[in-house]
Amino acid sequence: MTPKQTAEELVLKYLKLQEPNYNWFHKGLAKQCASIAVDEIIKAIDFDWMEVQNIEQQHRYWQEVKQEIENL
């Protein structure tokens, strides 16, 4: 998946959390939630120092996802 596809999927997952009878969970809030989730993933990657080679690549990917969330 591209970072943009991942960003769209994450935001959509949060949009689907809304109750059928309520329309308060809007895109802006979904983007904030997705961005928080990505921050937590980045922290977890940074903590996993055992696979140093892969950390940089994963970190870059999730930073791109976060940027794509902001662009949505």
N, C-alpha and C. Protein backbone atom coordinates (compact mmCIF):
# COMPACT_ATOMS: atom_id res chain seq x y z
N MET A 1 0.83 -1.18 0.00
CA MET A 1 0.00 0.00 0.00
C MET A 1 0.88 1.24 0.00
N THR A 2 0.41 2.25 -0.67
CA THR A 2 1.13 3.53 -0.64
C THR A 2 0.77 4.26 0.65
N PRO A 3 1.59 5.24 1.05
CA PRO A 3 1.24 6.03 2.23
C PRO A 3 -0.14 6.68 2.10
N LYS A 4 -0.47 7.16 0.90
CA LYS A 4 -1.77 7.80 0.71
C LYS A 4 -2.91 6.80 0.91
N GLN A 5 -2.77 5.61 0.39
CA GLN A 5 -3.81 4.58 0.57
C GLN A 5 -3.97 4.22 2.04
N THR A 6 -2.86 4.11 2.75
CA THR A 6 -2.91 3.80 4.17
C THR A 6 -3.59 4.93 4.93
N ALA A 7 -3.25 6.16 4.60
CA ALA A 7 -3.87 7.32 5.25
C ALA A 7 -5.38 7.32 5.03
N GLU A 8 -5.81 7.10 3.79
CA GLU A 8 -7.23 7.08 3.48
C GLU A 8 -7.94 5.96 4.24
N GLU A 9 -7.31 4.79 4.31
CA GLU A 9 -7.91 3.66 5.01
C GLU A 9 -8.06 3.94 6.51
N LEU A 10 -7.03 4.53 7.11
CA LEU A 10 -7.09 4.85 8.53
C LEU A 10 -8.20 5.86 8.82
N VAL A 11 -8.27 6.92 8.05
CA VAL A 11 -9.30 7.93 8.27
C VAL A 11 -10.68 7.32 8.07
N LEU A 12 -10.85 6.51 7.06
CA LEU A 12 -12.14 5.86 6.81
C LEU A 12 -12.55 4.97 7.98
N LYS A 13 -11.60 4.27 8.57
CA LYS A 13 -11.91 3.42 9.73
C LYS A 13 -12.48 4.25 10.88
N TYR A 14 -11.92 5.42 11.10
CA TYR A 14 -12.44 6.28 12.17
C TYR A 14 -13.78 6.89 11.78
N LEU A 15 -13.98 7.19 10.52
CA LEU A 15 -15.29 7.71 10.09
C LEU A 15 -16.38 6.67 10.29
N LYS A 16 -16.04 5.40 10.14
CA LYS A 16 -17.03 4.32 10.29
C LYS A 16 -17.40 4.06 11.75
N LEU A 17 -16.70 4.67 12.69
CA LEU A 17 -17.01 4.49 14.10
C LEU A 17 -18.29 5.19 14.52
N GLN A 18 -18.74 6.12 13.73
CA GLN A 18 -19.91 6.89 14.13
C GLN A 18 -21.15 6.02 14.20
N GLU A 19 -22.01 6.33 15.13
CA GLU A 19 -23.28 5.63 15.28
C GLU A 19 -24.18 6.01 14.11
N PRO A 20 -25.04 5.09 13.68
CA PRO A 20 -25.91 5.38 12.52
C PRO A 20 -26.81 6.59 12.71
N ASN A 21 -27.21 6.87 13.95
CA ASN A 21 -28.15 7.97 14.20
C ASN A 21 -27.46 9.30 14.51
N TYR A 22 -26.14 9.30 14.53
CA TYR A 22 -25.41 10.52 14.85
C TYR A 22 -24.48 10.89 13.70
N ASN A 23 -24.39 12.16 13.42
CA ASN A 23 -23.52 12.63 12.33
C ASN A 23 -22.42 13.53 12.85
N TRP A 24 -22.06 13.43 14.11
CA TRP A 24 -21.09 14.34 14.71
C TRP A 24 -19.64 13.95 14.43
N PHE A 25 -19.38 12.72 14.06
CA PHE A 25 -18.00 12.28 13.85
C PHE A 25 -17.59 12.67 12.44
N HIS A 26 -17.03 13.83 12.31
CA HIS A 26 -16.71 14.37 10.99
C HIS A 26 -15.27 14.06 10.58
N LYS A 27 -14.96 14.40 9.37
CA LYS A 27 -13.65 14.07 8.79
C LYS A 27 -12.49 14.67 9.57
N GLY A 28 -12.65 15.87 10.06
CA GLY A 28 -11.57 16.51 10.82
C GLY A 28 -11.21 15.72 12.07
N LEU A 29 -12.22 15.24 12.77
CA LEU A 29 -11.98 14.44 13.97
C LEU A 29 -11.37 13.09 13.60
N ALA A 30 -11.84 12.50 12.52
CA ALA A 30 -11.29 11.22 12.06
C ALA A 30 -9.81 11.38 11.69
N LYS A 31 -9.46 12.50 11.07
CA LYS A 31 -8.07 12.76 10.71
C LYS A 31 -7.21 12.92 11.96
N GLN A 32 -7.73 13.59 12.98
CA GLN A 32 -6.98 13.75 14.23
C GLN A 32 -6.72 12.39 14.88
N CYS A 33 -7.75 11.54 14.91
CA CYS A 33 -7.60 10.21 15.51
C CYS A 33 -6.59 9.38 14.74
N ALA A 34 -6.66 9.41 13.42
CA ALA A 34 -5.72 8.65 12.60
C ALA A 34 -4.30 9.16 12.80
N SER A 35 -4.14 10.46 12.92
CA SER A 35 -2.83 11.05 13.14
C SER A 35 -2.24 10.61 14.49
N ILE A 36 -3.07 10.55 15.52
CA ILE A 36 -2.63 10.07 16.83
C ILE A 36 -2.19 8.62 16.73
N ALA A 37 -2.95 7.81 16.01
CA ALA A 37 -2.60 6.40 15.84
C ALA A 37 -1.24 6.26 15.15
N VAL A 38 -1.00 7.07 14.13
CA VAL A 38 0.28 7.03 13.41
C VAL A 38 1.42 7.47 14.33
N ASP A 39 1.18 8.48 15.16
CA ASP A 39 2.21 8.89 16.12
C ASP A 39 2.60 7.74 17.03
N GLU A 40 1.61 6.96 17.47
CA GLU A 40 1.88 5.83 18.35
C GLU A 40 2.66 4.73 17.61
N ILE A 41 2.35 4.53 16.34
CA ILE A 41 3.10 3.55 15.54
C ILE A 41 4.55 3.99 15.40
N ILE A 42 4.76 5.27 15.15
CA ILE A 42 6.11 5.80 15.00
C ILE A 42 6.89 5.63 16.30
N LYS A 43 6.25 5.90 17.43
CA LYS A 43 6.91 5.70 18.72
C LYS A 43 7.31 4.24 18.91
N ALA A 44 6.41 3.33 18.54
CA ALA A 44 6.70 1.90 18.68
C ALA A 44 7.86 1.49 17.79
N ILE A 45 7.91 2.02 16.59
CA ILE A 45 9.02 1.71 15.67
C ILE A 45 10.33 2.23 16.25
N ASP A 46 10.32 3.43 16.77
CA ASP A 46 11.53 4.01 17.35
C ASP A 46 12.01 3.21 18.55
N PHE A 47 11.08 2.62 19.27
CA PHE A 47 11.43 1.83 20.45
C PHE A 47 12.04 0.49 20.07
N ASP A 48 11.67 -0.04 18.89
CA ASP A 48 12.16 -1.34 18.46
C ASP A 48 13.54 -1.19 17.82
N TRP A 49 14.55 -1.01 18.64
CA TRP A 49 15.90 -0.74 18.16
C TRP A 49 16.62 -1.97 17.65
N MET A 50 16.01 -3.14 17.77
CA MET A 50 16.66 -4.39 17.36
C MET A 50 16.88 -4.46 15.85
N GLU A 51 15.97 -3.91 15.07
CA GLU A 51 16.08 -4.01 13.61
C GLU A 51 16.39 -2.62 13.05
N VAL A 52 17.57 -2.18 13.25
CA VAL A 52 17.98 -0.81 12.90
C VAL A 52 17.78 -0.51 11.42
N GLN A 53 18.11 -1.44 10.55
CA GLN A 53 17.99 -1.18 9.11
C GLN A 53 16.54 -0.89 8.73
N ASN A 54 15.62 -1.63 9.29
CA ASN A 54 14.23 -1.51 8.91
C ASN A 54 13.55 -0.31 9.57
N ILE A 55 14.07 0.16 10.67
CA ILE A 55 13.43 1.26 11.40
C ILE A 55 13.34 2.52 10.54
N GLU A 56 14.40 2.88 9.88
CA GLU A 56 14.39 4.10 9.07
C GLU A 56 13.35 4.03 7.97
N GLN A 57 13.26 2.89 7.31
CA GLN A 57 12.29 2.72 6.24
C GLN A 57 10.86 2.79 6.78
N GLN A 58 10.61 2.11 7.88
CA GLN A 58 9.27 2.14 8.49
C GLN A 58 8.93 3.54 8.97
N HIS A 59 9.88 4.19 9.59
CA HIS A 59 9.66 5.54 10.11
C HIS A 59 9.30 6.48 8.97
N ARG A 60 10.05 6.41 7.88
CA ARG A 60 9.78 7.27 6.71
C ARG A 60 8.38 6.99 6.15
N TYR A 61 8.00 5.70 6.05
CA TYR A 61 6.69 5.34 5.52
C TYR A 61 5.58 5.95 6.37
N TRP A 62 5.67 5.79 7.69
CA TRP A 62 4.60 6.29 8.56
C TRP A 62 4.60 7.81 8.64
N GLN A 63 5.75 8.45 8.47
CA GLN A 63 5.76 9.91 8.38
C GLN A 63 5.02 10.36 7.12
N GLU A 64 5.20 9.62 6.03
CA GLU A 64 4.48 9.93 4.79
C GLU A 64 2.98 9.71 4.96
N VAL A 65 2.61 8.64 5.68
CA VAL A 65 1.18 8.40 5.96
C VAL A 65 0.61 9.58 6.73
N LYS A 66 1.33 10.03 7.74
CA LYS A 66 0.84 11.16 8.53
C LYS A 66 0.66 12.40 7.65
N GLN A 67 1.59 12.65 6.76
CA GLN A 67 1.46 13.79 5.85
C GLN A 67 0.25 13.62 4.95
N GLU A 68 0.01 12.43 4.47
CA GLU A 68 -1.15 12.18 3.60
C GLU A 68 -2.46 12.38 4.37
N ILE A 69 -2.49 12.02 5.66
CA ILE A 69 -3.68 12.25 6.48
C ILE A 69 -3.96 13.75 6.52
N GLU A 70 -2.93 14.54 6.74
CA GLU A 70 -3.10 15.99 6.78
C GLU A 70 -3.58 16.53 5.44
N ASN A 71 -3.20 15.89 4.33
CA ASN A 71 -3.59 16.35 3.00
C ASN A 71 -5.02 15.98 2.61
N LEU A 72 -5.61 15.05 3.35
CA LEU A 72 -6.98 14.62 2.99
C LEU A 72 -7.99 15.71 3.22
